[in-house]
């Protein structure tokens, strides 16, 4: 099980990175990974206790990450968090749109209000975070947006249709932004994780049937960890991928 970074990306040193939903799960690994590459990382979320653990894990970083507590489903609070990050570090170079919530729900029970809540955290935050940082990227003459997708809709997962709907829409957002802002040297890609063994997944969803599903569908042995997603995020953000945009990169051990 990998628990460390395998590559060093000099082009990430000093870059300003903003991560939504960075206080736990995949986002926490992404924050730590960028910080240890020498980036200046701000991350937003609601869980201050979990964020403290992320900061502790990033203690060896040249620049300590900054946690900005906010409800990411509140667009005004999101905009304020990004403004605070810019005030602290300067205009954002790299946006990692990671925030999501995969709470299970029965399609026939979904109300318009609940649907709007799912859209707010699983899609709307991606859209408006990008809107908030792109002007700064234009001023800088370049930038990177990485939108996290999900294989949930690709494998026809049941029990979270609103979530899957939002995650499938990530592809359209990525490709539209890539075309519109490519002229500004802003690259936009989708990073799609498979079933990642975060604490949330292990505590809520991974059971004997889930283990069997991974054994049956993964082409590779073992389990996907947050660092596997973080390592791909680093590559997509670095200059090593300077001519890659409008694409989707799936890290799912070969399930899809």
C-alpha atoms as a PDB file:
ATOM      1  CA  UNK A   1       0.000   0.000   0.000  1.00  0.00           C
ATOM      2  CA  UNK A   2       1.613   3.279  -1.089  1.00  0.00           C
ATOM      3  CA  UNK A   3       1.804   5.890   1.635  1.00  0.00           C
ATOM      4  CA  UNK A   4       4.201   8.342   0.070  1.00  0.00           C
ATOM      5  CA  UNK A   5       4.813  10.449  -3.020  1.00  0.00           C
ATOM      6  CA  UNK A   6       6.806   8.825  -5.804  1.00  0.00           C
ATOM      7  CA  UNK A   7       7.547  11.839  -8.012  1.00  0.00           C
ATOM      8  CA  UNK A   8       8.813  15.351  -7.413  1.00  0.00           C
ATOM      9  CA  UNK A   9       7.376  18.123  -9.586  1.00  0.00           C
ATOM     10  CA  UNK A  10       9.547  21.260  -9.481  1.00  0.00           C
ATOM     11  CA  UNK A  11       6.884  23.261 -11.330  1.00  0.00           C
ATOM     12  CA  UNK A  12       4.525  22.941  -8.355  1.00  0.00           C
ATOM     13  CA  UNK A  13       6.854  24.709  -5.910  1.00  0.00           C
ATOM     14  CA  UNK A  14       5.350  28.009  -4.837  1.00  0.00           C
ATOM     15  CA  UNK A  15       2.094  27.479  -6.729  1.00  0.00           C
ATOM     16  CA  UNK A  16      -1.097  28.588  -4.999  1.00  0.00           C
ATOM     17  CA  UNK A  17      -3.521  25.676  -4.692  1.00  0.00           C
ATOM     18  CA  UNK A  18      -7.129  25.763  -3.496  1.00  0.00           C
ATOM     19  CA  UNK A  19      -8.785  22.457  -2.560  1.00  0.00           C
ATOM     20  CA  UNK A  20     -12.496  22.156  -1.843  1.00  0.00           C
ATOM     21  CA  UNK A  21     -13.394  19.500   0.711  1.00  0.00           C
ATOM     22  CA  UNK A  22      -9.781  19.114   1.782  1.00  0.00           C
ATOM     23  CA  UNK A  23     -10.232  18.279   5.440  1.00  0.00           C
ATOM     24  CA  UNK A  24     -10.914  14.548   5.073  1.00  0.00           C
ATOM     25  CA  UNK A  25     -10.844  11.593   2.711  1.00  0.00           C
ATOM     26  CA  UNK A  26      -9.318  12.012  -0.735  1.00  0.00           C
ATOM     27  CA  UNK A  27      -9.132  15.780  -0.260  1.00  0.00           C
ATOM     28  CA  UNK A  28      -6.923  15.440   2.806  1.00  0.00           C
ATOM     29  CA  UNK A  29      -4.423  13.356   0.853  1.00  0.00           C
ATOM     30  CA  UNK A  30      -4.485  15.892  -1.971  1.00  0.00           C
ATOM     31  CA  UNK A  31      -3.778  18.783   0.413  1.00  0.00           C
ATOM     32  CA  UNK A  32      -0.830  16.980   1.990  1.00  0.00           C
ATOM     33  CA  UNK A  33       0.565  15.889  -1.370  1.00  0.00           C
ATOM     34  CA  UNK A  34       0.603  19.408  -2.791  1.00  0.00           C
ATOM     35  CA  UNK A  35       2.006  20.884   0.417  1.00  0.00           C
ATOM     36  CA  UNK A  36       4.892  18.407   0.385  1.00  0.00           C
ATOM     37  CA  UNK A  37       5.626  19.405  -3.213  1.00  0.00           C
ATOM     38  CA  UNK A  38       6.277  22.941  -2.010  1.00  0.00           C
ATOM     39  CA  UNK A  39       2.927  24.435  -3.034  1.00  0.00           C
ATOM     40  CA  UNK A  40       1.025  27.019  -1.011  1.00  0.00           C
ATOM     41  CA  UNK A  41      -2.221  25.244  -0.208  1.00  0.00           C
ATOM     42  CA  UNK A  42      -5.511  26.590   1.093  1.00  0.00           C
ATOM     43  CA  UNK A  43      -8.311  24.135   1.711  1.00  0.00           C
ATOM     44  CA  UNK A  44     -11.929  24.584   2.681  1.00  0.00           C
ATOM     45  CA  UNK A  45     -14.462  22.435   4.500  1.00  0.00           C
ATOM     46  CA  UNK A  46     -16.567  22.222   7.637  1.00  0.00           C
ATOM     47  CA  UNK A  47     -14.644  19.797   9.851  1.00  0.00           C
ATOM     48  CA  UNK A  48     -12.061  21.743  11.845  1.00  0.00           C
ATOM     49  CA  UNK A  49     -11.053  18.683  13.885  1.00  0.00           C
ATOM     50  CA  UNK A  50     -10.251  16.675  10.765  1.00  0.00           C
ATOM     51  CA  UNK A  51      -8.504  19.684   9.252  1.00  0.00           C
ATOM     52  CA  UNK A  52      -6.181  19.814  12.256  1.00  0.00           C
ATOM     53  CA  UNK A  53      -5.045  16.285  11.423  1.00  0.00           C
ATOM     54  CA  UNK A  54      -4.324  17.341   7.836  1.00  0.00           C
ATOM     55  CA  UNK A  55      -2.225  20.237   9.097  1.00  0.00           C
ATOM     56  CA  UNK A  56      -0.303  17.883  11.376  1.00  0.00           C
ATOM     57  CA  UNK A  57       0.399  15.524   8.488  1.00  0.00           C
ATOM     58  CA  UNK A  58       1.699  18.478   6.469  1.00  0.00           C
ATOM     59  CA  UNK A  59       4.054  19.720   9.184  1.00  0.00           C
ATOM     60  CA  UNK A  60       7.135  18.981   7.064  1.00  0.00           C
ATOM     61  CA  UNK A  61       5.928  21.235   4.231  1.00  0.00           C
ATOM     62  CA  UNK A  62       7.905  24.392   3.454  1.00  0.00           C
ATOM     63  CA  UNK A  63       4.654  26.370   3.671  1.00  0.00           C
ATOM     64  CA  UNK A  64       1.999  25.205   6.106  1.00  0.00           C
ATOM     65  CA  UNK A  65      -1.436  24.817   4.477  1.00  0.00           C
ATOM     66  CA  UNK A  66      -4.237  27.137   5.534  1.00  0.00           C
ATOM     67  CA  UNK A  67      -7.642  25.769   6.535  1.00  0.00           C
ATOM     68  CA  UNK A  68     -10.684  27.931   5.788  1.00  0.00           C
ATOM     69  CA  UNK A  69     -13.771  26.682   7.568  1.00  0.00           C
ATOM     70  CA  UNK A  70     -16.983  27.101   5.600  1.00  0.00           C
ATOM     71  CA  UNK A  71     -20.095  25.351   4.330  1.00  0.00           C
ATOM     72  CA  UNK A  72     -19.150  24.693   0.719  1.00  0.00           C
ATOM     73  CA  UNK A  73     -22.800  24.342  -0.277  1.00  0.00           C
ATOM     74  CA  UNK A  74     -23.172  28.040   0.582  1.00  0.00           C
ATOM     75  CA  UNK A  75     -21.911  29.883  -2.491  1.00  0.00           C
ATOM     76  CA  UNK A  76     -21.327  33.138  -0.606  1.00  0.00           C
ATOM     77  CA  UNK A  77     -19.242  31.304   1.993  1.00  0.00           C
ATOM     78  CA  UNK A  78     -17.315  29.516  -0.752  1.00  0.00           C
ATOM     79  CA  UNK A  79     -16.554  32.800  -2.492  1.00  0.00           C
ATOM     80  CA  UNK A  80     -15.397  34.307   0.802  1.00  0.00           C
ATOM     81  CA  UNK A  81     -13.100  31.344   1.468  1.00  0.00           C
ATOM     82  CA  UNK A  82     -11.499  31.754  -1.946  1.00  0.00           C
ATOM     83  CA  UNK A  83     -11.134  35.503  -1.393  1.00  0.00           C
ATOM     84  CA  UNK A  84      -9.450  34.776   1.955  1.00  0.00           C
ATOM     85  CA  UNK A  85      -7.069  32.314   0.280  1.00  0.00           C
ATOM     86  CA  UNK A  86      -6.175  34.909  -2.346  1.00  0.00           C
ATOM     87  CA  UNK A  87      -5.583  37.518   0.368  1.00  0.00           C
ATOM     88  CA  UNK A  88      -3.230  35.108   2.123  1.00  0.00           C
ATOM     89  CA  UNK A  89      -1.315  33.573  -0.803  1.00  0.00           C
ATOM     90  CA  UNK A  90      -2.254  35.517  -3.948  1.00  0.00           C
ATOM     91  CA  UNK A  91      -4.280  34.483  -6.987  1.00  0.00           C
ATOM     92  CA  UNK A  92      -4.938  30.769  -7.292  1.00  0.00           C
ATOM     93  CA  UNK A  93      -2.848  28.789  -9.793  1.00  0.00           C
ATOM     94  CA  UNK A  94      -4.475  25.394  -9.250  1.00  0.00           C
ATOM     95  CA  UNK A  95      -8.045  24.565  -8.246  1.00  0.00           C
ATOM     96  CA  UNK A  96      -8.852  21.038  -7.101  1.00  0.00           C
ATOM     97  CA  UNK A  97     -12.628  20.655  -7.089  1.00  0.00           C
ATOM     98  CA  UNK A  98     -12.896  17.727  -4.693  1.00  0.00           C
ATOM     99  CA  UNK A  99     -15.920  18.487  -2.483  1.00  0.00           C
ATOM    100  CA  UNK A 100     -18.691  15.883  -2.668  1.00  0.00           C
ATOM    101  CA  UNK A 101     -21.178  13.936  -0.581  1.00  0.00           C
ATOM    102  CA  UNK A 102     -22.280  10.449  -1.609  1.00  0.00           C
ATOM    103  CA  UNK A 103     -25.056   9.936   0.944  1.00  0.00           C
ATOM    104  CA  UNK A 104     -27.358   7.167  -0.234  1.00  0.00           C
ATOM    105  CA  UNK A 105     -30.935   7.931  -1.233  1.00  0.00           C
ATOM    106  CA  UNK A 106     -33.849   6.184  -2.901  1.00  0.00           C
ATOM    107  CA  UNK A 107     -34.778   7.805  -6.207  1.00  0.00           C
ATOM    108  CA  UNK A 108     -38.522   7.689  -5.518  1.00  0.00           C
ATOM    109  CA  UNK A 109     -38.049   9.493  -2.196  1.00  0.00           C
ATOM    110  CA  UNK A 110     -35.968  12.426  -3.487  1.00  0.00           C
ATOM    111  CA  UNK A 111     -37.661  15.794  -3.013  1.00  0.00           C
ATOM    112  CA  UNK A 112     -36.817  18.934  -4.984  1.00  0.00           C
ATOM    113  CA  UNK A 113     -35.239  20.352  -1.826  1.00  0.00           C
ATOM    114  CA  UNK A 114     -33.027  17.304  -1.290  1.00  0.00           C
ATOM    115  CA  UNK A 115     -32.063  17.293  -4.971  1.00  0.00           C
ATOM    116  CA  UNK A 116     -30.994  20.926  -4.723  1.00  0.00           C
ATOM    117  CA  UNK A 117     -28.856  20.048  -1.684  1.00  0.00           C
ATOM    118  CA  UNK A 118     -27.100  17.269  -3.621  1.00  0.00           C
ATOM    119  CA  UNK A 119     -26.474  19.559  -6.581  1.00  0.00           C
ATOM    120  CA  UNK A 120     -25.087  22.276  -4.311  1.00  0.00           C
ATOM    121  CA  UNK A 121     -22.328  20.120  -2.838  1.00  0.00           C
ATOM    122  CA  UNK A 122     -21.672  17.778  -5.777  1.00  0.00           C
ATOM    123  CA  UNK A 123     -21.776  20.151  -8.762  1.00  0.00           C
ATOM    124  CA  UNK A 124     -22.610  23.758  -7.970  1.00  0.00           C
ATOM    125  CA  UNK A 125     -19.517  24.196  -5.799  1.00  0.00           C
ATOM    126  CA  UNK A 126     -17.348  23.004  -8.710  1.00  0.00           C
ATOM    127  CA  UNK A 127     -18.947  25.501 -11.074  1.00  0.00           C
ATOM    128  CA  UNK A 128     -18.696  28.527  -8.810  1.00  0.00           C
ATOM    129  CA  UNK A 129     -15.272  27.725  -7.402  1.00  0.00           C
ATOM    130  CA  UNK A 130     -13.988  27.708 -10.971  1.00  0.00           C
ATOM    131  CA  UNK A 131     -15.810  30.955 -11.673  1.00  0.00           C
ATOM    132  CA  UNK A 132     -14.155  32.541  -8.638  1.00  0.00           C
ATOM    133  CA  UNK A 133     -10.566  31.555  -9.486  1.00  0.00           C
ATOM    134  CA  UNK A 134     -10.442  31.807 -13.278  1.00  0.00           C
ATOM    135  CA  UNK A 135     -10.124  35.624 -13.407  1.00  0.00           C
ATOM    136  CA  UNK A 136      -6.993  35.348 -11.249  1.00  0.00           C
ATOM    137  CA  UNK A 137      -5.638  32.637 -13.528  1.00  0.00           C
ATOM    138  CA  UNK A 138      -6.258  34.909 -16.504  1.00  0.00           C
ATOM    139  CA  UNK A 139      -4.275  37.648 -14.773  1.00  0.00           C
ATOM    140  CA  UNK A 140      -1.431  35.194 -14.206  1.00  0.00           C
ATOM    141  CA  UNK A 141      -1.542  33.943 -17.786  1.00  0.00           C
ATOM    142  CA  UNK A 142      -2.118  30.282 -16.900  1.00  0.00           C
ATOM    143  CA  UNK A 143      -3.909  27.964 -14.519  1.00  0.00           C
ATOM    144  CA  UNK A 144      -5.196  24.473 -13.830  1.00  0.00           C
ATOM    145  CA  UNK A 145      -8.616  23.194 -12.782  1.00  0.00           C
ATOM    146  CA  UNK A 146      -9.032  19.554 -11.801  1.00  0.00           C
ATOM    147  CA  UNK A 147     -12.638  18.442 -11.315  1.00  0.00           C
ATOM    148  CA  UNK A 148     -13.084  15.196  -9.417  1.00  0.00           C
ATOM    149  CA  UNK A 149     -15.626  12.869 -10.973  1.00  0.00           C
ATOM    150  CA  UNK A 150     -16.781   9.409  -9.940  1.00  0.00           C
ATOM    151  CA  UNK A 151     -17.088   5.975 -11.488  1.00  0.00           C
ATOM    152  CA  UNK A 152     -20.449   5.570  -9.696  1.00  0.00           C
ATOM    153  CA  UNK A 153     -22.463   6.371 -12.808  1.00  0.00           C
ATOM    154  CA  UNK A 154     -20.111   4.484 -15.126  1.00  0.00           C
ATOM    155  CA  UNK A 155     -20.686   1.227 -13.237  1.00  0.00           C
ATOM    156  CA  UNK A 156     -24.434   1.952 -12.957  1.00  0.00           C
ATOM    157  CA  UNK A 157     -24.346   2.170  -9.182  1.00  0.00           C
ATOM    158  CA  UNK A 158     -27.777   2.280  -7.548  1.00  0.00           C
ATOM    159  CA  UNK A 159     -28.872   4.110  -4.421  1.00  0.00           C
ATOM    160  CA  UNK A 160     -27.472   7.577  -5.083  1.00  0.00           C
ATOM    161  CA  UNK A 161     -28.942   8.782  -8.341  1.00  0.00           C
ATOM    162  CA  UNK A 162     -28.717  12.503  -7.545  1.00  0.00           C
ATOM    163  CA  UNK A 163     -25.022  12.119  -6.693  1.00  0.00           C
ATOM    164  CA  UNK A 164     -24.337  10.106  -9.845  1.00  0.00           C
ATOM    165  CA  UNK A 165     -26.185  12.659 -11.956  1.00  0.00           C
ATOM    166  CA  UNK A 166     -23.999  15.465 -10.624  1.00  0.00           C
ATOM    167  CA  UNK A 167     -20.807  13.476 -11.073  1.00  0.00           C
ATOM    168  CA  UNK A 168     -21.643  12.618 -14.679  1.00  0.00           C
ATOM    169  CA  UNK A 169     -22.158  16.339 -15.318  1.00  0.00           C
ATOM    170  CA  UNK A 170     -18.547  16.963 -14.305  1.00  0.00           C
ATOM    171  CA  UNK A 171     -17.459  15.795 -17.751  1.00  0.00           C
ATOM    172  CA  UNK A 172     -19.525  18.500 -19.438  1.00  0.00           C
ATOM    173  CA  UNK A 173     -18.229  21.185 -17.110  1.00  0.00           C
ATOM    174  CA  UNK A 174     -14.628  20.134 -17.724  1.00  0.00           C
ATOM    175  CA  UNK A 175     -14.882  20.085 -21.495  1.00  0.00           C
ATOM    176  CA  UNK A 176     -16.772  23.382 -21.684  1.00  0.00           C
ATOM    177  CA  UNK A 177     -14.294  25.220 -19.472  1.00  0.00           C
ATOM    178  CA  UNK A 178     -11.326  23.693 -21.291  1.00  0.00           C
ATOM    179  CA  UNK A 179     -12.554  25.091 -24.602  1.00  0.00           C
ATOM    180  CA  UNK A 180     -13.605  28.491 -23.275  1.00  0.00           C
ATOM    181  CA  UNK A 181     -10.427  29.240 -21.326  1.00  0.00           C
ATOM    182  CA  UNK A 182      -7.777  27.282 -23.181  1.00  0.00           C
ATOM    183  CA  UNK A 183      -6.792  30.473 -24.951  1.00  0.00           C
ATOM    184  CA  UNK A 184      -5.759  31.779 -21.540  1.00  0.00           C
ATOM    185  CA  UNK A 185      -3.513  28.747 -20.998  1.00  0.00           C
ATOM    186  CA  UNK A 186      -5.949  27.406 -18.415  1.00  0.00           C
ATOM    187  CA  UNK A 187      -6.102  23.614 -18.487  1.00  0.00           C
ATOM    188  CA  UNK A 188      -9.166  21.758 -17.211  1.00  0.00           C
ATOM    189  CA  UNK A 189      -9.364  18.008 -16.698  1.00  0.00           C
ATOM    190  CA  UNK A 190     -11.499  15.485 -14.840  1.00  0.00           C
ATOM    191  CA  UNK A 191      -9.906  13.101 -12.344  1.00  0.00           C
ATOM    192  CA  UNK A 192     -12.249  10.179 -11.724  1.00  0.00           C
ATOM    193  CA  UNK A 193     -11.589   7.938  -8.726  1.00  0.00           C
ATOM    194  CA  UNK A 194     -12.885   4.436  -8.357  1.00  0.00           C
ATOM    195  CA  UNK A 195     -13.847   3.113  -4.942  1.00  0.00           C
ATOM    196  CA  UNK A 196     -11.280   4.693  -2.648  1.00  0.00           C
ATOM    197  CA  UNK A 197     -10.812   3.234   0.822  1.00  0.00           C
ATOM    198  CA  UNK A 198     -11.327   6.384   2.851  1.00  0.00           C
ATOM    199  CA  UNK A 199     -12.512   6.225   6.450  1.00  0.00           C
ATOM    200  CA  UNK A 200     -15.985   7.277   5.311  1.00  0.00           C
ATOM    201  CA  UNK A 201     -16.247   4.461   2.791  1.00  0.00           C
ATOM    202  CA  UNK A 202     -14.902   1.866   5.215  1.00  0.00           C
ATOM    203  CA  UNK A 203     -17.204   3.011   8.005  1.00  0.00           C
ATOM    204  CA  UNK A 204     -20.384   3.325   5.948  1.00  0.00           C
ATOM    205  CA  UNK A 205     -20.357   1.379   2.706  1.00  0.00           C
ATOM    206  CA  UNK A 206     -17.633  -1.269   2.424  1.00  0.00           C
ATOM    207  CA  UNK A 207     -19.078  -4.601   3.523  1.00  0.00           C
ATOM    208  CA  UNK A 208     -18.584  -8.214   2.483  1.00  0.00           C
ATOM    209  CA  UNK A 209     -20.494  -7.626  -0.751  1.00  0.00           C
ATOM    210  CA  UNK A 210     -18.391  -4.556  -1.485  1.00  0.00           C
ATOM    211  CA  UNK A 211     -15.164  -6.440  -0.919  1.00  0.00           C
ATOM    212  CA  UNK A 212     -16.361  -9.126  -3.317  1.00  0.00           C
ATOM    213  CA  UNK A 213     -17.293  -6.518  -5.905  1.00  0.00           C
ATOM    214  CA  UNK A 214     -13.796  -5.048  -5.764  1.00  0.00           C
ATOM    215  CA  UNK A 215     -12.208  -8.494  -5.967  1.00  0.00           C
ATOM    216  CA  UNK A 216     -14.352  -9.379  -8.965  1.00  0.00           C
ATOM    217  CA  UNK A 217     -14.034  -6.090 -10.865  1.00  0.00           C
ATOM    218  CA  UNK A 218     -10.562  -4.713 -10.147  1.00  0.00           C
ATOM    219  CA  UNK A 219      -7.985  -5.785 -12.705  1.00  0.00           C
ATOM    220  CA  UNK A 220      -5.265  -5.113 -10.145  1.00  0.00           C
ATOM    221  CA  UNK A 221      -4.944  -6.659  -6.691  1.00  0.00           C
ATOM    222  CA  UNK A 222      -5.170  -4.442  -3.639  1.00  0.00           C
ATOM    223  CA  UNK A 223      -7.311  -1.436  -2.838  1.00  0.00           C
ATOM    224  CA  UNK A 224      -7.308   2.161  -4.079  1.00  0.00           C
ATOM    225  CA  UNK A 225      -6.046   4.686  -1.529  1.00  0.00           C
ATOM    226  CA  UNK A 226      -6.355   8.453  -1.413  1.00  0.00           C
ATOM    227  CA  UNK A 227      -2.676   8.850  -2.291  1.00  0.00           C
ATOM    228  CA  UNK A 228      -3.335   7.129  -5.628  1.00  0.00           C
ATOM    229  CA  UNK A 229      -5.761   9.910  -6.517  1.00  0.00           C
ATOM    230  CA  UNK A 230      -3.468  12.614  -5.115  1.00  0.00           C
ATOM    231  CA  UNK A 231      -0.566  11.395  -7.246  1.00  0.00           C
ATOM    232  CA  UNK A 232      -2.649  11.802 -10.408  1.00  0.00           C
ATOM    233  CA  UNK A 233      -3.785  15.250  -9.272  1.00  0.00           C
ATOM    234  CA  UNK A 234      -0.135  16.292  -8.906  1.00  0.00           C
ATOM    235  CA  UNK A 235       0.655  15.195 -12.454  1.00  0.00           C
ATOM    236  CA  UNK A 236      -2.367  16.989 -13.916  1.00  0.00           C
ATOM    237  CA  UNK A 237      -1.452  20.180 -12.069  1.00  0.00           C
ATOM    238  CA  UNK A 238       2.244  20.140 -12.953  1.00  0.00           C
ATOM    239  CA  UNK A 239       3.825  21.476 -16.126  1.00  0.00           C
ATOM    240  CA  UNK A 240       4.610  17.870 -17.045  1.00  0.00           C
ATOM    241  CA  UNK A 241       1.028  17.721 -18.384  1.00  0.00           C
ATOM    242  CA  UNK A 242       1.143  21.142 -20.042  1.00  0.00           C
ATOM    243  CA  UNK A 243      -0.592  20.010 -23.261  1.00  0.00           C
ATOM    244  CA  UNK A 244      -3.300  17.929 -21.619  1.00  0.00           C
ATOM    245  CA  UNK A 245      -6.775  19.451 -21.278  1.00  0.00           C
ATOM    246  CA  UNK A 246     -10.467  18.532 -21.688  1.00  0.00           C
ATOM    247  CA  UNK A 247      -9.697  14.927 -20.736  1.00  0.00           C
ATOM    248  CA  UNK A 248     -10.782  12.423 -18.091  1.00  0.00           C
ATOM    249  CA  UNK A 249      -8.307  10.323 -16.123  1.00  0.00           C
ATOM    250  CA  UNK A 250      -9.746   7.304 -14.308  1.00  0.00           C
ATOM    251  CA  UNK A 251      -7.990   5.762 -11.322  1.00  0.00           C
ATOM    252  CA  UNK A 252     -10.112   2.699 -10.526  1.00  0.00           C
ATOM    253  CA  UNK A 253      -7.817  -0.351 -10.733  1.00  0.00           C
ATOM    254  CA  UNK A 254      -9.427  -1.193 -14.065  1.00  0.00           C
ATOM    255  CA  UNK A 255     -13.042  -1.568 -12.890  1.00  0.00           C
ATOM    256  CA  UNK A 256     -14.629   0.481 -15.685  1.00  0.00           C
END
